[in-house]
């Protein structure tokens, strides 16, 4: 806050001499937030507006488990919108603890009669503590509010569907392992990062961050990692080649870089890279759309149905990156790097990866 005040002083604003400390400003913000909550709760209660509760577990920097509570409702006769309501520190992580904390949170602003009439839906992730059939939070809430509609977060369901594809489609495991090796190589070694940056500077490219793919993060994170390898393909090849020929490294280290370069420059890997880039671009866009606050179930259903049609069409009509790969395979060169065959790699088949799961079991994500 003092920094903001200094900026305002430079802009010529008279901010006075008191109430400038971080503690005081924090108390002012808390008071404003409390009054706004009271005003919003009063509007919702007096107008008997329907209420949807969205929750998600999280962990603070200090390691404490908290419950993020958001509400979705119409305010002042406007369209329904989703807004943050409260951050609850949990005494435990069982379904009973979460249910008790949530009901206490809602009870501070809404009476039980109102909740019985207007608490219409509850949304959460797919953790067993939330959606367990016998003692889950959703089950306990439904016992209190029989008309409650429970919804498993569409974005979490999308991630589960992607996770199932990883298990079922041959070749994805090898692709994921290679990216894990790249992540470990550059994430834990400033020396490798520096050498890679020098290679990028030599060819005039901007270095992108390489992360893990198809892990616990949202699918958009996987798309960024694949895009980083696609854009910095030549940089990675130069770095691996230099490291493999660096006599200051031991033989095991040089062999590791030689193996990584053999995978990187194989026609099969480039084919898999283009295929995954197209698929993850579509899934990343869908994931971001589903995360929007104004998203509704009918709109989400249309987006999911459209995405299935897109994947089905991409089986016979390659995406833009796969089209580039076909040209590269015909020329046996990708981004100026010669391609070669590597019989140890497994190729991902478009029909299996894009259509089998998405079209065969759409109920998993819709």
Foldseek 3Di string as FASTA:
>chain_A
DLVVVVVVVVVVDCPDDPQRDPVSVVVVVVVVLVVVLLVQLVQCQVVLWAKEKEWEWDADPVGFIKIWIWMWTDGPPDDIFIDTDDIGGFPDDAQVRVLVRVCVSCVVRDPLVSCLRRHAEYEYADDCCQPPPPRHNVNVVCVSRVNHHYDHQLQNLLLVLLLVLCVPFPQSVVVQVLLVVVCVVPVVDPVLVVLLVVLCVVVVHDQFDADGASDPDGLLNNLSNLVRCQRCVVSLLVSLVCQLPDPVDDNVRNVVSVVSNLLSQALQNLLQSLLVNVLSVLRNVLSVVSPDRPDDPVNNVVSLVVQLVVLVVCLVPPDPSNVLSVVCVVVCHDPRHGHDHDPVGDHTRSCSSRHVSSVVCVVSND
